[in-house]
C-alpha atoms as a PDB file:
ATOM      1  CA  MET A   1       0.000   0.000   0.000  1.00  0.00           C
ATOM      2  CA  SER A   2       1.330   3.435  -0.889  1.00  0.00           C
ATOM      3  CA  THR A   3       1.925   6.130   1.716  1.00  0.00           C
ATOM      4  CA  ALA A   4      -0.879   8.270   0.254  1.00  0.00           C
ATOM      5  CA  THR A   5      -3.365   5.375   0.409  1.00  0.00           C
ATOM      6  CA  SER A   6      -2.245   4.524   3.941  1.00  0.00           C
ATOM      7  CA  SER A   7      -2.733   8.082   5.179  1.00  0.00           C
ATOM      8  CA  THR A   8      -6.169   8.305   3.492  1.00  0.00           C
ATOM      9  CA  ALA A   9      -7.281   5.075   5.169  1.00  0.00           C
ATOM     10  CA  SER A  10      -5.999   6.353   8.502  1.00  0.00           C
ATOM     11  CA  ALA A  11      -7.837   9.675   8.112  1.00  0.00           C
ATOM     12  CA  THR A  12     -11.051   7.844   7.198  1.00  0.00           C
ATOM     13  CA  ARG A  13     -10.830   5.746  10.381  1.00  0.00           C
ATOM     14  CA  GLU A  14     -10.175   8.849  12.505  1.00  0.00           C
ATOM     15  CA  LEU A  15     -12.978  10.946  10.995  1.00  0.00           C
ATOM     16  CA  PRO A  16     -15.875   9.577  13.116  1.00  0.00           C
ATOM     17  CA  ALA A  17     -13.924  10.146  16.333  1.00  0.00           C
ATOM     18  CA  ARG A  18     -13.022  13.686  15.279  1.00  0.00           C
ATOM     19  CA  LEU A  19     -16.598  14.479  14.297  1.00  0.00           C
ATOM     20  CA  ALA A  20     -17.917  13.138  17.605  1.00  0.00           C
ATOM     21  CA  GLY A  21     -15.379  15.306  19.419  1.00  0.00           C
ATOM     22  CA  GLU A  22     -16.443  18.348  17.414  1.00  0.00           C
ATOM     23  CA  ALA A  23     -20.092  17.705  18.278  1.00  0.00           C
ATOM     24  CA  ARG A  24     -19.198  17.863  21.966  1.00  0.00           C
ATOM     25  CA  LYS A  25     -17.210  21.060  21.511  1.00  0.00           C
ATOM     26  CA  LYS A  26     -19.651  23.063  19.384  1.00  0.00           C
ATOM     27  CA  PRO A  27     -23.290  23.044  20.560  1.00  0.00           C
ATOM     28  CA  GLY A  28     -25.785  23.299  17.735  1.00  0.00           C
ATOM     29  CA  GLN A  29     -23.359  21.870  15.195  1.00  0.00           C
ATOM     30  CA  LEU A  30     -22.953  18.201  14.248  1.00  0.00           C
ATOM     31  CA  ARG A  31     -24.731  15.878  16.694  1.00  0.00           C
ATOM     32  CA  ARG A  32     -25.339  12.172  16.961  1.00  0.00           C
ATOM     33  CA  LEU A  33     -28.922  11.015  16.646  1.00  0.00           C
ATOM     34  CA  PRO A  34     -30.644  10.106  19.917  1.00  0.00           C
ATOM     35  CA  ALA A  35     -30.837   6.399  20.605  1.00  0.00           C
ATOM     36  CA  VAL A  36     -34.382   5.413  19.606  1.00  0.00           C
ATOM     37  CA  PRO A  37     -35.130   1.717  20.039  1.00  0.00           C
ATOM     38  CA  SER A  38     -34.728  -0.191  16.786  1.00  0.00           C
ATOM     39  CA  ASP A  39     -37.481  -2.681  17.566  1.00  0.00           C
ATOM     40  CA  PRO A  40     -41.197  -1.800  17.180  1.00  0.00           C
ATOM     41  CA  ALA A  41     -42.033  -2.729  20.789  1.00  0.00           C
ATOM     42  CA  GLY A  42     -39.306  -0.430  22.101  1.00  0.00           C
ATOM     43  CA  ARG A  43     -40.507   2.454  19.931  1.00  0.00           C
ATOM     44  CA  GLU A  44     -44.089   1.874  21.086  1.00  0.00           C
ATOM     45  CA  LEU A  45     -42.940   1.960  24.716  1.00  0.00           C
ATOM     46  CA  LEU A  46     -41.120   5.251  24.115  1.00  0.00           C
ATOM     47  CA  ALA A  47     -44.214   6.701  22.407  1.00  0.00           C
ATOM     48  CA  HIS A  48     -46.286   5.522  25.389  1.00  0.00           C
ATOM     49  CA  PHE A  49     -43.905   7.421  27.687  1.00  0.00           C
ATOM     50  CA  TYR A  50     -44.440  10.606  25.673  1.00  0.00           C
ATOM     51  CA  ARG A  51     -48.219  10.102  25.684  1.00  0.00           C
ATOM     52  CA  ALA A  52     -48.043  10.180  29.495  1.00  0.00           C
ATOM     53  CA  LEU A  53     -46.625  13.692  29.085  1.00  0.00           C
ATOM     54  CA  GLY A  54     -49.228  14.609  26.459  1.00  0.00           C
ATOM     55  CA  ASP A  55     -51.930  15.904  28.787  1.00  0.00           C
ATOM     56  CA  PRO A  56     -51.883  19.575  29.899  1.00  0.00           C
ATOM     57  CA  SER A  57     -53.027  18.693  33.428  1.00  0.00           C
ATOM     58  CA  ARG A  58     -50.307  16.064  33.830  1.00  0.00           C
ATOM     59  CA  LEU A  59     -47.683  18.528  32.588  1.00  0.00           C
ATOM     60  CA  SER A  60     -48.926  21.083  35.101  1.00  0.00           C
ATOM     61  CA  LEU A  61     -48.775  18.484  37.880  1.00  0.00           C
ATOM     62  CA  LEU A  62     -45.267  17.437  36.851  1.00  0.00           C
ATOM     63  CA  ALA A  63     -44.000  21.007  36.975  1.00  0.00           C
ATOM     64  CA  PHE A  64     -45.780  21.621  40.292  1.00  0.00           C
ATOM     65  CA  CYS A  65     -44.374  18.472  41.924  1.00  0.00           C
ATOM     66  CA  ALA A  66     -40.892  19.126  40.535  1.00  0.00           C
ATOM     67  CA  VAL A  67     -40.526  22.278  42.637  1.00  0.00           C
ATOM     68  CA  ALA A  68     -41.460  20.675  45.976  1.00  0.00           C
ATOM     69  CA  GLU A  69     -43.255  17.700  47.478  1.00  0.00           C
ATOM     70  CA  ARG A  70     -47.020  18.296  47.297  1.00  0.00           C
ATOM     71  CA  THR A  71     -50.107  16.795  48.909  1.00  0.00           C
ATOM     72  CA  GLY A  72     -52.966  15.515  46.817  1.00  0.00           C
ATOM     73  CA  ASN A  73     -55.069  18.464  48.030  1.00  0.00           C
ATOM     74  CA  GLU A  74     -52.412  20.941  46.906  1.00  0.00           C
ATOM     75  CA  CYS A  75     -52.395  19.258  43.499  1.00  0.00           C
ATOM     76  CA  VAL A  76     -56.199  19.546  43.258  1.00  0.00           C
ATOM     77  CA  ASP A  77     -56.027  23.253  44.130  1.00  0.00           C
ATOM     78  CA  HIS A  78     -53.203  23.794  41.643  1.00  0.00           C
ATOM     79  CA  VAL A  79     -54.860  22.299  38.555  1.00  0.00           C
ATOM     80  CA  GLY A  80     -58.456  23.154  39.478  1.00  0.00           C
ATOM     81  CA  LEU A  81     -59.905  19.760  38.570  1.00  0.00           C
ATOM     82  CA  SER A  82     -61.957  17.396  40.685  1.00  0.00           C
ATOM     83  CA  GLN A  83     -60.167  15.238  43.218  1.00  0.00           C
ATOM     84  CA  GLY A  84     -61.005  12.127  41.188  1.00  0.00           C
ATOM     85  CA  ARG A  85     -59.529  13.523  37.962  1.00  0.00           C
ATOM     86  CA  VAL A  86     -56.378  14.713  39.712  1.00  0.00           C
ATOM     87  CA  SER A  87     -56.005  11.311  41.402  1.00  0.00           C
ATOM     88  CA  ALA A  88     -56.253   9.599  38.012  1.00  0.00           C
ATOM     89  CA  HIS A  89     -53.607  11.913  36.527  1.00  0.00           C
ATOM     90  CA  LEU A  90     -51.305  11.422  39.510  1.00  0.00           C
ATOM     91  CA  ALA A  91     -51.814   7.641  39.339  1.00  0.00           C
ATOM     92  CA  CYS A  92     -50.735   7.756  35.683  1.00  0.00           C
ATOM     93  CA  LEU A  93     -47.622   9.752  36.531  1.00  0.00           C
ATOM     94  CA  VAL A  94     -46.758   7.446  39.426  1.00  0.00           C
ATOM     95  CA  SER A  95     -47.326   4.259  37.416  1.00  0.00           C
ATOM     96  CA  CYS A  96     -45.098   5.620  34.627  1.00  0.00           C
ATOM     97  CA  GLY A  97     -42.367   6.384  37.172  1.00  0.00           C
ATOM     98  CA  LEU A  98     -42.397  10.133  36.552  1.00  0.00           C
ATOM     99  CA  VAL A  99     -43.636  11.005  40.050  1.00  0.00           C
ATOM    100  CA  THR A 100     -43.195   9.198  43.363  1.00  0.00           C
ATOM    101  CA  SER A 101     -45.713   9.082  46.189  1.00  0.00           C
ATOM    102  CA  ARG A 102     -45.610   8.406  49.904  1.00  0.00           C
ATOM    103  CA  ARG A 103     -48.372   8.146  52.460  1.00  0.00           C
ATOM    104  CA  GLU A 104     -48.128   9.897  55.809  1.00  0.00           C
ATOM    105  CA  GLY A 105     -51.236   9.577  57.942  1.00  0.00           C
ATOM    106  CA  ARG A 106     -54.238  10.770  55.939  1.00  0.00           C
ATOM    107  CA  TYR A 107     -52.143  12.473  53.294  1.00  0.00           C
ATOM    108  CA  VAL A 108     -50.375  11.283  50.181  1.00  0.00           C
ATOM    109  CA  TYR A 109     -47.391  13.338  49.082  1.00  0.00           C
ATOM    110  CA  TYR A 110     -46.159  13.520  45.487  1.00  0.00           C
ATOM    111  CA  ARG A 111     -42.867  14.681  44.061  1.00  0.00           C
ATOM    112  CA  VAL A 112     -40.609  14.397  41.050  1.00  0.00           C
ATOM    113  CA  GLU A 113     -37.459  12.657  42.270  1.00  0.00           C
ATOM    114  CA  ASN A 114     -35.604  12.316  38.988  1.00  0.00           C
ATOM    115  CA  PRO A 115     -34.170  15.697  37.927  1.00  0.00           C
ATOM    116  CA  LYS A 116     -34.188  14.475  34.313  1.00  0.00           C
ATOM    117  CA  VAL A 117     -38.013  14.543  34.388  1.00  0.00           C
ATOM    118  CA  ALA A 118     -38.038  18.204  35.427  1.00  0.00           C
ATOM    119  CA  GLU A 119     -35.383  18.918  32.788  1.00  0.00           C
ATOM    120  CA  LEU A 120     -37.519  17.187  30.151  1.00  0.00           C
ATOM    121  CA  VAL A 121     -40.464  19.465  30.972  1.00  0.00           C
ATOM    122  CA  ARG A 122     -38.187  22.521  30.931  1.00  0.00           C
ATOM    123  CA  LEU A 123     -36.750  21.523  27.549  1.00  0.00           C
ATOM    124  CA  GLY A 124     -40.255  21.032  26.180  1.00  0.00           C
ATOM    125  CA  VAL A 125     -41.188  24.553  27.230  1.00  0.00           C
ATOM    126  CA  GLU A 126     -38.012  25.921  25.680  1.00  0.00           C
ATOM    127  CA  ILE A 127     -38.505  24.074  22.388  1.00  0.00           C
ATOM    128  CA  THR A 128     -42.182  24.986  22.027  1.00  0.00           C
ATOM    129  CA  ALA A 129     -41.430  28.649  22.708  1.00  0.00           C
ATOM    130  CA  GLY A 130     -39.564  28.812  19.422  1.00  0.00           C
ATOM    131  CA  HIS A 131     -42.175  26.879  17.426  1.00  0.00           C
ATOM    132  CA  ALA A 132     -45.487  27.715  19.126  1.00  0.00           C
ATOM    133  CA  ALA A 133     -47.447  28.707  16.013  1.00  0.00           C
ATOM    134  CA  SER A 134     -46.412  25.707  13.920  1.00  0.00           C
ATOM    135  CA  ILE A 135     -47.022  23.289  16.799  1.00  0.00           C
ATOM    136  CA  ALA A 136     -50.462  24.807  17.452  1.00  0.00           C
ATOM    137  CA  GLU A 137     -51.408  24.404  13.787  1.00  0.00           C
ATOM    138  CA  CYS A 138     -50.019  20.872  13.350  1.00  0.00           C
ATOM    139  CA  ALA A 139     -52.962  18.735  12.214  1.00  0.00           C
ATOM    140  CA  ALA A 140     -51.061  15.488  12.867  1.00  0.00           C
ATOM    141  CA  VAL A 141     -51.126  16.084  16.630  1.00  0.00           C
ATOM    142  CA  ALA A 142     -54.411  18.012  16.847  1.00  0.00           C
ATOM    143  CA  LYS A 143     -56.637  17.301  19.820  1.00  0.00           C
ATOM    144  CA  SER A 144     -58.829  14.293  19.204  1.00  0.00           C
ATOM    145  CA  ARG A 145     -61.483  15.399  21.694  1.00  0.00           C
END
């Protein structure tokens, strides 16, 4: 193999590592794709996770419980829905692992333990702020109610 061919092959092998390094150094530039499950069941599970976040009341409860631990009554007052509806939303969030609960006497307390959940909500707010009109008009995700 010639020296020119050898150096070209070496540069080709090094390119992915260099590009990955550049992606870490320069935000907004070249990035790797997020790891989305390759199997249909894994993708469905991920979509199910996002559907748990797809209700305005649940998003409000997530943000509220991310700031501090809250009682069920505080959650009802915060979202302004009936106790039964709020309980159903909180049960969804707890069963999906987005919120934890603990009982103390007559009260149940809810909170977001995983800071990544609060960060996910914050990122959603940040992203939608820049695309509010197009998201609002998107027929593919229009309310089905």
